[in-house]
Amino acid sequence: MLYSILVRRLAEGVEFEQFREAWLPDPVDDGIGFRVVHARSLADPREVVSIGFMDLGPDEAEELGRRTEAENERRHERIQPLLEGERRLIGVFEQVSDDEIAL
């Protein structure tokens, strides 16, 4: 399992739903689906973190990136005008543990 983490800042006056609409990919028949969670900062609602959950290994993710490069470029072109500055890719991480804890 891999996780990708990106941080973006919405431009002044842009609502999250505008960003999300532009961010959503065009439908494809042969795509590999994965889950993405968006969360807003409590300190600054214009700051949005996107966390992708991919049930893939590193090699599979690299291949998926090559196959979807054109679609991702179109999506980034759609969302860029809605952002202040560039997206920050924090990184792609491989899961090494999964624990449920209670405090």
PDB file of N, CA and C in Angstrom:
ATOM      1  N   MET A   1       0.860  -1.168   0.000  1.00  0.00           N
ATOM      2  CA  MET A   1       0.000   0.000   0.000  1.00  0.00           C
ATOM      3  C   MET A   1       0.905   1.230   0.000  1.00  0.00           C
ATOM      4  N   LEU A   2       0.589   2.168  -0.901  1.00  0.00           N
ATOM      5  CA  LEU A   2       1.319   3.427  -0.972  1.00  0.00           C
ATOM      6  C   LEU A   2       0.385   4.576  -0.647  1.00  0.00           C
ATOM      7  N   TYR A   3       0.973   5.633  -0.114  1.00  0.00           N
ATOM      8  CA  TYR A   3       0.229   6.847   0.230  1.00  0.00           C
ATOM      9  C   TYR A   3       0.959   8.027  -0.387  1.00  0.00           C
ATOM     10  N   SER A   4       0.215   8.906  -1.048  1.00  0.00           N
ATOM     11  CA  SER A   4       0.806  10.146  -1.551  1.00  0.00           C
ATOM     12  C   SER A   4       0.206  11.301  -0.767  1.00  0.00           C
ATOM     13  N   ILE A   5       1.035  12.296  -0.478  1.00  0.00           N
ATOM     14  CA  ILE A   5       0.574  13.446   0.299  1.00  0.00           C
ATOM     15  C   ILE A   5       0.970  14.713  -0.439  1.00  0.00           C
ATOM     16  N   LEU A   6      -0.041  15.527  -0.770  1.00  0.00           N
ATOM     17  CA  LEU A   6       0.168  16.806  -1.448  1.00  0.00           C
ATOM     18  C   LEU A   6      -0.520  17.904  -0.652  1.00  0.00           C
ATOM     19  N   VAL A   7       0.075  19.076  -0.642  1.00  0.00           N
ATOM     20  CA  VAL A   7      -0.524  20.230   0.034  1.00  0.00           C
ATOM     21  C   VAL A   7      -0.686  21.337  -1.000  1.00  0.00           C
ATOM     22  N   ARG A   8      -1.860  21.968  -0.993  1.00  0.00           N
ATOM     23  CA  ARG A   8      -2.143  23.070  -1.902  1.00  0.00           C
ATOM     24  C   ARG A   8      -2.804  24.190  -1.120  1.00  0.00           C
ATOM     25  N   ARG A   9      -2.671  25.400  -1.633  1.00  0.00           N
ATOM     26  CA  ARG A   9      -3.345  26.558  -1.034  1.00  0.00           C
ATOM     27  C   ARG A   9      -4.285  27.133  -2.079  1.00  0.00           C
ATOM     28  N   LEU A  10      -5.568  27.192  -1.740  1.00  0.00           N
ATOM     29  CA  LEU A  10      -6.559  27.742  -2.662  1.00  0.00           C
ATOM     30  C   LEU A  10      -6.366  29.249  -2.787  1.00  0.00           C
ATOM     31  N   ALA A  11      -6.589  29.750  -3.990  1.00  0.00           N
ATOM     32  CA  ALA A  11      -6.497  31.187  -4.222  1.00  0.00           C
ATOM     33  C   ALA A  11      -7.618  31.903  -3.464  1.00  0.00           C
ATOM     34  N   GLU A  12      -7.406  33.157  -3.177  1.00  0.00           N
ATOM     35  CA  GLU A  12      -8.410  33.990  -2.496  1.00  0.00           C
ATOM     36  C   GLU A  12      -9.738  33.907  -3.241  1.00  0.00           C
ATOM     37  N   GLY A  13     -10.821  33.633  -2.511  1.00  0.00           N
ATOM     38  CA  GLY A  13     -12.156  33.584  -3.100  1.00  0.00           C
ATOM     39  C   GLY A  13     -12.548  32.252  -3.715  1.00  0.00           C
ATOM     40  N   VAL A  14     -11.632  31.291  -3.790  1.00  0.00           N
ATOM     41  CA  VAL A  14     -11.930  29.977  -4.367  1.00  0.00           C
ATOM     42  C   VAL A  14     -12.485  29.075  -3.269  1.00  0.00           C
ATOM     43  N   GLU A  15     -13.622  28.468  -3.537  1.00  0.00           N
ATOM     44  CA  GLU A  15     -14.228  27.530  -2.603  1.00  0.00           C
ATOM     45  C   GLU A  15     -13.690  26.126  -2.868  1.00  0.00           C
ATOM     46  N   PHE A  16     -13.661  25.292  -1.834  1.00  0.00           N
ATOM     47  CA  PHE A  16     -13.151  23.934  -1.983  1.00  0.00           C
ATOM     48  C   PHE A  16     -13.877  23.187  -3.088  1.00  0.00           C
ATOM     49  N   GLU A  17     -15.198  23.319  -3.193  1.00  0.00           N
ATOM     50  CA  GLU A  17     -15.961  22.577  -4.206  1.00  0.00           C
ATOM     51  C   GLU A  17     -15.528  22.949  -5.622  1.00  0.00           C
ATOM     52  N   GLN A  18     -15.128  24.198  -5.853  1.00  0.00           N
ATOM     53  CA  GLN A  18     -14.601  24.590  -7.168  1.00  0.00           C
ATOM     54  C   GLN A  18     -13.318  23.814  -7.457  1.00  0.00           C
ATOM     55  N   PHE A  19     -12.441  23.765  -6.470  1.00  0.00           N
ATOM     56  CA  PHE A  19     -11.197  23.022  -6.610  1.00  0.00           C
ATOM     57  C   PHE A  19     -11.489  21.556  -6.888  1.00  0.00           C
ATOM     58  N   ARG A  20     -12.371  20.956  -6.096  1.00  0.00           N
ATOM     59  CA  ARG A  20     -12.661  19.530  -6.227  1.00  0.00           C
ATOM     60  C   ARG A  20     -13.233  19.210  -7.601  1.00  0.00           C
ATOM     61  N   GLU A  21     -14.129  20.039  -8.090  1.00  0.00           N
ATOM     62  CA  GLU A  21     -14.715  19.815  -9.413  1.00  0.00           C
ATOM     63  C   GLU A  21     -13.638  19.810 -10.494  1.00  0.00           C
ATOM     64  N   ALA A  22     -12.702  20.754 -10.427  1.00  0.00           N
ATOM     65  CA  ALA A  22     -11.611  20.821 -11.407  1.00  0.00           C
ATOM     66  C   ALA A  22     -10.626  19.671 -11.209  1.00  0.00           C
ATOM     67  N   TRP A  23     -10.458  19.230  -9.969  1.00  0.00           N
ATOM     68  CA  TRP A  23      -9.501  18.178  -9.627  1.00  0.00           C
ATOM     69  C   TRP A  23      -9.955  16.802 -10.108  1.00  0.00           C
ATOM     70  N   LEU A  24     -11.264  16.529 -10.085  1.00  0.00           N
ATOM     71  CA  LEU A  24     -11.765  15.194 -10.440  1.00  0.00           C
ATOM     72  C   LEU A  24     -11.320  14.805 -11.845  1.00  0.00           C
ATOM     73  N   PRO A  25     -10.837  13.571 -12.019  1.00  0.00           N
ATOM     74  CA  PRO A  25     -10.390  13.140 -13.347  1.00  0.00           C
ATOM     75  C   PRO A  25     -11.567  12.897 -14.282  1.00  0.00           C
ATOM     76  N   ASP A  26     -11.285  12.992 -15.577  1.00  0.00           N
ATOM     77  CA  ASP A  26     -12.277  12.609 -16.571  1.00  0.00           C
ATOM     78  C   ASP A  26     -12.472  11.100 -16.472  1.00  0.00           C
ATOM     79  N   PRO A  27     -13.701  10.616 -16.703  1.00  0.00           N
ATOM     80  CA  PRO A  27     -13.935   9.171 -16.633  1.00  0.00           C
ATOM     81  C   PRO A  27     -13.120   8.418 -17.687  1.00  0.00           C
ATOM     82  N   VAL A  28     -12.571   7.279 -17.281  1.00  0.00           N
ATOM     83  CA  VAL A  28     -11.851   6.395 -18.203  1.00  0.00           C
ATOM     84  C   VAL A  28     -12.316   4.970 -17.959  1.00  0.00           C
ATOM     85  N   ASP A  29     -12.204   4.144 -18.993  1.00  0.00           N
ATOM     86  CA  ASP A  29     -12.667   2.756 -18.886  1.00  0.00           C
ATOM     87  C   ASP A  29     -11.632   1.822 -18.282  1.00  0.00           C
ATOM     88  N   ASP A  30     -10.350   2.130 -18.474  1.00  0.00           N
ATOM     89  CA  ASP A  30      -9.325   1.180 -18.052  1.00  0.00           C
ATOM     90  C   ASP A  30      -8.481   1.681 -16.889  1.00  0.00           C
ATOM     91  N   GLY A  31      -8.945   2.700 -16.209  1.00  0.00           N
ATOM     92  CA  GLY A  31      -8.157   3.262 -15.124  1.00  0.00           C
ATOM     93  C   GLY A  31      -8.142   2.374 -13.891  1.00  0.00           C
ATOM     94  N   ILE A  32      -7.124   2.539 -13.104  1.00  0.00           N
ATOM     95  CA  ILE A  32      -7.042   1.863 -11.816  1.00  0.00           C
ATOM     96  C   ILE A  32      -7.524   2.863 -10.777  1.00  0.00           C
ATOM     97  N   GLY A  33      -8.537   2.501 -10.036  1.00  0.00           N
ATOM     98  CA  GLY A  33      -9.072   3.413  -9.044  1.00  0.00           C
ATOM     99  C   GLY A  33      -8.290   3.369  -7.753  1.00  0.00           C
ATOM    100  N   PHE A  34      -8.271   4.482  -7.084  1.00  0.00           N
ATOM    101  CA  PHE A  34      -7.733   4.526  -5.734  1.00  0.00           C
ATOM    102  C   PHE A  34      -8.424   5.633  -4.977  1.00  0.00           C
ATOM    103  N   ARG A  35      -8.304   5.600  -3.691  1.00  0.00           N
ATOM    104  CA  ARG A  35      -9.014   6.521  -2.805  1.00  0.00           C
ATOM    105  C   ARG A  35      -8.161   7.741  -2.530  1.00  0.00           C
ATOM    106  N   VAL A  36      -8.820   8.919  -2.503  1.00  0.00           N
ATOM    107  CA  VAL A  36      -8.152  10.162  -2.129  1.00  0.00           C
ATOM    108  C   VAL A  36      -9.017  10.879  -1.113  1.00  0.00           C
ATOM    109  N   VAL A  37      -8.387  11.311  -0.034  1.00  0.00           N
ATOM    110  CA  VAL A  37      -9.060  12.098   0.995  1.00  0.00           C
ATOM    111  C   VAL A  37      -8.479  13.502   0.943  1.00  0.00           C
ATOM    112  N   HIS A  38      -9.364  14.500   0.916  1.00  0.00           N
ATOM    113  CA  HIS A  38      -8.936  15.894   1.013  1.00  0.00           C
ATOM    114  C   HIS A  38      -9.321  16.386   2.406  1.00  0.00           C
ATOM    115  N   ALA A  39      -8.455  17.162   3.009  1.00  0.00           N
ATOM    116  CA  ALA A  39      -8.751  17.742   4.325  1.00  0.00           C
ATOM    117  C   ALA A  39      -8.281  19.191   4.332  1.00  0.00           C
ATOM    118  N   ARG A  40      -9.043  20.043   5.011  1.00  0.00           N
ATOM    119  CA  ARG A  40      -8.688  21.459   5.139  1.00  0.00           C
ATOM    120  C   ARG A  40      -8.040  21.705   6.483  1.00  0.00           C
ATOM    121  N   SER A  41      -7.108  22.615   6.483  1.00  0.00           N
ATOM    122  CA  SER A  41      -6.444  23.007   7.720  1.00  0.00           C
ATOM    123  C   SER A  41      -7.429  23.733   8.628  1.00  0.00           C
ATOM    124  N   LEU A  42      -7.407  23.417   9.913  1.00  0.00           N
ATOM    125  CA  LEU A  42      -8.236  24.144  10.878  1.00  0.00           C
ATOM    126  C   LEU A  42      -7.720  25.572  11.052  1.00  0.00           C
ATOM    127  N   ALA A  43      -6.427  25.763  10.897  1.00  0.00           N
ATOM    128  CA  ALA A  43      -5.834  27.088  11.067  1.00  0.00           C
ATOM    129  C   ALA A  43      -6.032  27.974   9.844  1.00  0.00           C
ATOM    130  N   ASP A  44      -6.127  27.381   8.644  1.00  0.00           N
ATOM    131  CA  ASP A  44      -6.254  28.137   7.401  1.00  0.00           C
ATOM    132  C   ASP A  44      -7.070  27.309   6.415  1.00  0.00           C
ATOM    133  N   PRO A  45      -8.383  27.571   6.300  1.00  0.00           N
ATOM    134  CA  PRO A  45      -9.242  26.746   5.446  1.00  0.00           C
ATOM    135  C   PRO A  45      -8.878  26.781   3.962  1.00  0.00           C
ATOM    136  N   ARG A  46      -8.006  27.688   3.557  1.00  0.00           N
ATOM    137  CA  ARG A  46      -7.557  27.708   2.159  1.00  0.00           C
ATOM    138  C   ARG A  46      -6.458  26.676   1.912  1.00  0.00           C
ATOM    139  N   GLU A  47      -5.872  26.128   2.967  1.00  0.00           N
ATOM    140  CA  GLU A  47      -4.839  25.111   2.821  1.00  0.00           C
ATOM    141  C   GLU A  47      -5.498  23.729   2.829  1.00  0.00           C
ATOM    142  N   VAL A  48      -5.235  22.963   1.757  1.00  0.00           N
ATOM    143  CA  VAL A  48      -5.864  21.655   1.574  1.00  0.00           C
ATOM    144  C   VAL A  48      -4.774  20.605   1.415  1.00  0.00           C
ATOM    145  N   VAL A  49      -4.906  19.519   2.163  1.00  0.00           N
ATOM    146  CA  VAL A  49      -3.994  18.386   2.007  1.00  0.00           C
ATOM    147  C   VAL A  49      -4.772  17.276   1.303  1.00  0.00           C
ATOM    148  N   SER A  50      -4.127  16.630   0.344  1.00  0.00           N
ATOM    149  CA  SER A  50      -4.727  15.513  -0.390  1.00  0.00           C
ATOM    150  C   SER A  50      -3.887  14.274  -0.106  1.00  0.00           C
ATOM    151  N   ILE A  51      -4.554  13.230   0.384  1.00  0.00           N
ATOM    152  CA  ILE A  51      -3.862  11.990   0.726  1.00  0.00           C
ATOM    153  C   ILE A  51      -4.433  10.889  -0.152  1.00  0.00           C
ATOM    154  N   GLY A  52      -3.565  10.303  -0.986  1.00  0.00           N
ATOM    155  CA  GLY A  52      -3.980   9.225  -1.869  1.00  0.00           C
ATOM    156  C   GLY A  52      -3.621   7.883  -1.268  1.00  0.00           C
ATOM    157  N   PHE A  53      -4.544   6.938  -1.346  1.00  0.00           N
ATOM    158  CA  PHE A  53      -4.351   5.579  -0.844  1.00  0.00           C
ATOM    159  C   PHE A  53      -4.337   4.655  -2.055  1.00  0.00           C
ATOM    160  N   MET A  54      -3.201   4.064  -2.362  1.00  0.00           N
ATOM    161  CA  MET A  54      -3.055   3.236  -3.561  1.00  0.00           C
ATOM    162  C   MET A  54      -2.657   1.828  -3.165  1.00  0.00           C
ATOM    163  N   ASP A  55      -3.499   0.877  -3.498  1.00  0.00           N
ATOM    164  CA  ASP A  55      -3.198  -0.522  -3.202  1.00  0.00           C
ATOM    165  C   ASP A  55      -2.294  -1.069  -4.302  1.00  0.00           C
ATOM    166  N   LEU A  56      -1.088  -0.485  -4.378  1.00  0.00           N
ATOM    167  CA  LEU A  56      -0.105  -0.811  -5.406  1.00  0.00           C
ATOM    168  C   LEU A  56       1.263  -0.889  -4.775  1.00  0.00           C
ATOM    169  N   GLY A  57       2.169  -1.584  -5.441  1.00  0.00           N
ATOM    170  CA  GLY A  57       3.565  -1.557  -5.059  1.00  0.00           C
ATOM    171  C   GLY A  57       4.265  -0.428  -5.804  1.00  0.00           C
ATOM    172  N   PRO A  58       5.505  -0.143  -5.449  1.00  0.00           N
ATOM    173  CA  PRO A  58       6.236   0.954  -6.094  1.00  0.00           C
ATOM    174  C   PRO A  58       6.338   0.810  -7.614  1.00  0.00           C
ATOM    175  N   ASP A  59       6.604  -0.385  -8.129  1.00  0.00           N
ATOM    176  CA  ASP A  59       6.716  -0.571  -9.580  1.00  0.00           C
ATOM    177  C   ASP A  59       5.379  -0.336 -10.273  1.00  0.00           C
ATOM    178  N   GLU A  60       4.305  -0.847  -9.672  1.00  0.00           N
ATOM    179  CA  GLU A  60       2.968  -0.645 -10.246  1.00  0.00           C
ATOM    180  C   GLU A  60       2.594   0.835 -10.244  1.00  0.00           C
ATOM    181  N   ALA A  61       2.946   1.547  -9.191  1.00  0.00           N
ATOM    182  CA  ALA A  61       2.640   2.979  -9.108  1.00  0.00           C
ATOM    183  C   ALA A  61       3.407   3.761 -10.168  1.00  0.00           C
ATOM    184  N   GLU A  62       4.644   3.377 -10.406  1.00  0.00           N
ATOM    185  CA  GLU A  62       5.447   4.035 -11.439  1.00  0.00           C
ATOM    186  C   GLU A  62       4.816   3.823 -12.815  1.00  0.00           C
ATOM    187  N   GLU A  63       4.380   2.606 -13.083  1.00  0.00           N
ATOM    188  CA  GLU A  63       3.721   2.301 -14.361  1.00  0.00           C
ATOM    189  C   GLU A  63       2.416   3.079 -14.487  1.00  0.00           C
ATOM    190  N   LEU A  64       1.631   3.134 -13.420  1.00  0.00           N
ATOM    191  CA  LEU A  64       0.388   3.906 -13.435  1.00  0.00           C
ATOM    192  C   LEU A  64       0.681   5.376 -13.725  1.00  0.00           C
ATOM    193  N   GLY A  65       1.724   5.918 -13.121  1.00  0.00           N
ATOM    194  CA  GLY A  65       2.103   7.300 -13.371  1.00  0.00           C
ATOM    195  C   GLY A  65       2.414   7.557 -14.836  1.00  0.00           C
ATOM    196  N   ARG A  66       3.095   6.632 -15.473  1.00  0.00           N
ATOM    197  CA  ARG A  66       3.403   6.769 -16.905  1.00  0.00           C
ATOM    198  C   ARG A  66       2.123   6.711 -17.741  1.00  0.00           C
ATOM    199  N   ARG A  67       1.235   5.769 -17.405  1.00  0.00           N
ATOM    200  CA  ARG A  67      -0.010   5.599 -18.176  1.00  0.00           C
ATOM    201  C   ARG A  67      -0.951   6.773 -18.035  1.00  0.00           C
ATOM    202  N   THR A  68      -0.938   7.440 -16.888  1.00  0.00           N
ATOM    203  CA  THR A  68      -1.911   8.508 -16.622  1.00  0.00           C
ATOM    204  C   THR A  68      -1.296   9.905 -16.694  1.00  0.00           C
ATOM    205  N   GLU A  69      -0.094  10.000 -17.215  1.00  0.00           N
ATOM    206  CA  GLU A  69       0.610  11.290 -17.246  1.00  0.00           C
ATOM    207  C   GLU A  69      -0.193  12.368 -17.977  1.00  0.00           C
ATOM    208  N   ALA A  70      -0.762  12.051 -19.136  1.00  0.00           N
ATOM    209  CA  ALA A  70      -1.508  13.055 -19.912  1.00  0.00           C
ATOM    210  C   ALA A  70      -2.750  13.515 -19.157  1.00  0.00           C
ATOM    211  N   GLU A  71      -3.492  12.585 -18.571  1.00  0.00           N
ATOM    212  CA  GLU A  71      -4.698  12.956 -17.814  1.00  0.00           C
ATOM    213  C   GLU A  71      -4.335  13.806 -16.601  1.00  0.00           C
ATOM    214  N   ASN A  72      -3.275  13.432 -15.901  1.00  0.00           N
ATOM    215  CA  ASN A  72      -2.867  14.222 -14.742  1.00  0.00           C
ATOM    216  C   ASN A  72      -2.438  15.621 -15.148  1.00  0.00           C
ATOM    217  N   GLU A  73      -1.785  15.752 -16.285  1.00  0.00           N
ATOM    218  CA  GLU A  73      -1.394  17.075 -16.777  1.00  0.00           C
ATOM    219  C   GLU A  73      -2.630  17.941 -17.052  1.00  0.00           C
ATOM    220  N   ARG A  74      -3.660  17.358 -17.678  1.00  0.00           N
ATOM    221  CA  ARG A  74      -4.911  18.100 -17.929  1.00  0.00           C
ATOM    222  C   ARG A  74      -5.549  18.546 -16.609  1.00  0.00           C
ATOM    223  N   ARG A  75      -5.582  17.651 -15.634  1.00  0.00           N
ATOM    224  CA  ARG A  75      -6.165  18.004 -14.342  1.00  0.00           C
ATOM    225  C   ARG A  75      -5.383  19.132 -13.684  1.00  0.00           C
ATOM    226  N   HIS A  76      -4.058  19.065 -13.718  1.00  0.00           N
ATOM    227  CA  HIS A  76      -3.242  20.108 -13.095  1.00  0.00           C
ATOM    228  C   HIS A  76      -3.431  21.452 -13.802  1.00  0.00           C
ATOM    229  N   GLU A  77      -3.608  21.425 -15.117  1.00  0.00           N
ATOM    230  CA  GLU A  77      -3.887  22.669 -15.850  1.00  0.00           C
ATOM    231  C   GLU A  77      -5.226  23.263 -15.430  1.00  0.00           C
ATOM    232  N   ARG A  78      -6.224  22.398 -15.145  1.00  0.00           N
ATOM    233  CA  ARG A  78      -7.537  22.891 -14.709  1.00  0.00           C
ATOM    234  C   ARG A  78      -7.481  23.501 -13.316  1.00  0.00           C
ATOM    235  N   ILE A  79      -6.712  22.890 -12.421  1.00  0.00           N
ATOM    236  CA  ILE A  79      -6.733  23.378 -11.037  1.00  0.00           C
ATOM    237  C   ILE A  79      -5.741  24.504 -10.771  1.00  0.00           C
ATOM    238  N   GLN A  80      -4.698  24.630 -11.580  1.00  0.00           N
ATOM    239  CA  GLN A  80      -3.664  25.638 -11.299  1.00  0.00           C
ATOM    240  C   GLN A  80      -4.231  27.051 -11.140  1.00  0.00           C
ATOM    241  N   PRO A  81      -5.185  27.507 -11.976  1.00  0.00           N
ATOM    242  CA  PRO A  81      -5.722  28.860 -11.786  1.00  0.00           C
ATOM    243  C   PRO A  81      -6.479  29.051 -10.463  1.00  0.00           C
ATOM    244  N   LEU A  82      -6.846  27.947  -9.817  1.00  0.00           N
ATOM    245  CA  LEU A  82      -7.593  28.021  -8.565  1.00  0.00           C
ATOM    246  C   LEU A  82      -6.681  28.039  -7.344  1.00  0.00           C
ATOM    247  N   LEU A  83      -5.375  27.926  -7.584  1.00  0.00           N
ATOM    248  CA  LEU A  83      -4.422  27.818  -6.487  1.00  0.00           C
ATOM    249  C   LEU A  83      -3.569  29.062  -6.345  1.00  0.00           C
ATOM    250  N   GLU A  84      -3.094  29.257  -5.143  1.00  0.00           N
ATOM    251  CA  GLU A  84      -2.097  30.279  -4.864  1.00  0.00           C
ATOM    252  C   GLU A  84      -0.767  29.543  -4.736  1.00  0.00           C
ATOM    253  N   GLY A  85       0.139  29.795  -5.651  1.00  0.00           N
ATOM    254  CA  GLY A  85       1.414  29.090  -5.630  1.00  0.00           C
ATOM    255  C   GLY A  85       1.286  27.707  -6.222  1.00  0.00           C
ATOM    256  N   GLU A  86       2.310  26.928  -6.056  1.00  0.00           N
ATOM    257  CA  GLU A  86       2.380  25.571  -6.609  1.00  0.00           C
ATOM    258  C   GLU A  86       1.985  24.553  -5.548  1.00  0.00           C
ATOM    259  N   ARG A  87       1.604  23.381  -6.002  1.00  0.00           N
ATOM    260  CA  ARG A  87       1.343  22.278  -5.073  1.00  0.00           C
ATOM    261  C   ARG A  87       2.672  21.840  -4.477  1.00  0.00           C
ATOM    262  N   ARG A  88       2.612  21.326  -3.274  1.00  0.00           N
ATOM    263  CA  ARG A  88       3.810  20.780  -2.634  1.00  0.00           C
ATOM    264  C   ARG A  88       3.609  19.285  -2.449  1.00  0.00           C
ATOM    265  N   LEU A  89       4.375  18.507  -3.175  1.00  0.00           N
ATOM    266  CA  LEU A  89       4.346  17.061  -2.982  1.00  0.00           C
ATOM    267  C   LEU A  89       5.198  16.772  -1.765  1.00  0.00           C
ATOM    268  N   ILE A  90       4.559  16.372  -0.698  1.00  0.00           N
ATOM    269  CA  ILE A  90       5.296  16.024   0.510  1.00  0.00           C
ATOM    270  C   ILE A  90       6.044  14.719   0.266  1.00  0.00           C
ATOM    271  N   GLY A  91       5.391  13.788  -0.449  1.00  0.00           N
ATOM    272  CA  GLY A  91       6.072  12.552  -0.786  1.00  0.00           C
ATOM    273  C   GLY A  91       5.117  11.412  -1.035  1.00  0.00           C
ATOM    274  N   VAL A  92       5.686  10.299  -1.444  1.00  0.00           N
ATOM    275  CA  VAL A  92       4.964   9.040  -1.591  1.00  0.00           C
ATOM    276  C   VAL A  92       5.584   8.080  -0.588  1.00  0.00           C
ATOM    277  N   PHE A  93       4.735   7.447   0.191  1.00  0.00           N
ATOM    278  CA  PHE A  93       5.187   6.630   1.311  1.00  0.00           C
ATOM    279  C   PHE A  93       4.646   5.217   1.179  1.00  0.00           C
ATOM    280  N   GLU A  94       5.468   4.227   1.545  1.00  0.00           N
ATOM    281  CA  GLU A  94       5.042   2.837   1.553  1.00  0.00           C
ATOM    282  C   GLU A  94       4.648   2.442   2.967  1.00  0.00           C
ATOM    283  N   GLN A  95       3.495   1.820   3.100  1.00  0.00           N
ATOM    284  CA  GLN A  95       2.993   1.410   4.412  1.00  0.00           C
ATOM    285  C   GLN A  95       3.880   0.346   5.009  1.00  0.00           C
ATOM    286  N   VAL A  96       4.232   0.518   6.269  1.00  0.00           N
ATOM    287  CA  VAL A  96       5.045  -0.462   6.984  1.00  0.00           C
ATOM    288  C   VAL A  96       4.369  -0.975   8.253  1.00  0.00           C
ATOM    289  N   SER A  97       3.241  -0.359   8.618  1.00  0.00           N
ATOM    290  CA  SER A  97       2.538  -0.779   9.818  1.00  0.00           C
ATOM    291  C   SER A  97       1.082  -0.315   9.722  1.00  0.00           C
ATOM    292  N   ASP A  98       0.188  -1.032  10.406  1.00  0.00           N
ATOM    293  CA  ASP A  98      -1.226  -0.658  10.457  1.00  0.00           C
ATOM    294  C   ASP A  98      -1.724  -1.084  11.830  1.00  0.00           C
ATOM    295  N   ASP A  99      -1.857  -0.130  12.742  1.00  0.00           N
ATOM    296  CA  ASP A  99      -2.236  -0.436  14.126  1.00  0.00           C
ATOM    297  C   ASP A  99      -3.477   0.337  14.513  1.00  0.00           C
ATOM    298  N   GLU A 100      -4.343  -0.290  15.292  1.00  0.00           N
ATOM    299  CA  GLU A 100      -5.445   0.409  15.935  1.00  0.00           C
ATOM    300  C   GLU A 100      -5.078   0.532  17.405  1.00  0.00           C
ATOM    301  N   ILE A 101      -5.163   1.753  17.926  1.00  0.00           N
ATOM    302  CA  ILE A 101      -4.816   1.954  19.332  1.00  0.00           C
ATOM    303  C   ILE A 101      -5.955   2.666  20.034  1.00  0.00           C
ATOM    304  N   ALA A 102      -5.998   2.545  21.311  1.00  0.00           N
ATOM    305  CA  ALA A 102      -6.966   3.250  22.144  1.00  0.00           C
ATOM    306  C   ALA A 102      -6.218   3.941  23.256  1.00  0.00           C
ATOM    307  N   LEU A 103      -6.579   5.169  23.517  1.00  0.00           N
ATOM    308  CA  LEU A 103      -5.938   5.912  24.592  1.00  0.00           C
ATOM    309  C   LEU A 103      -6.930   6.224  25.677  1.00  0.00           C
TER     310      LEU A 103
END
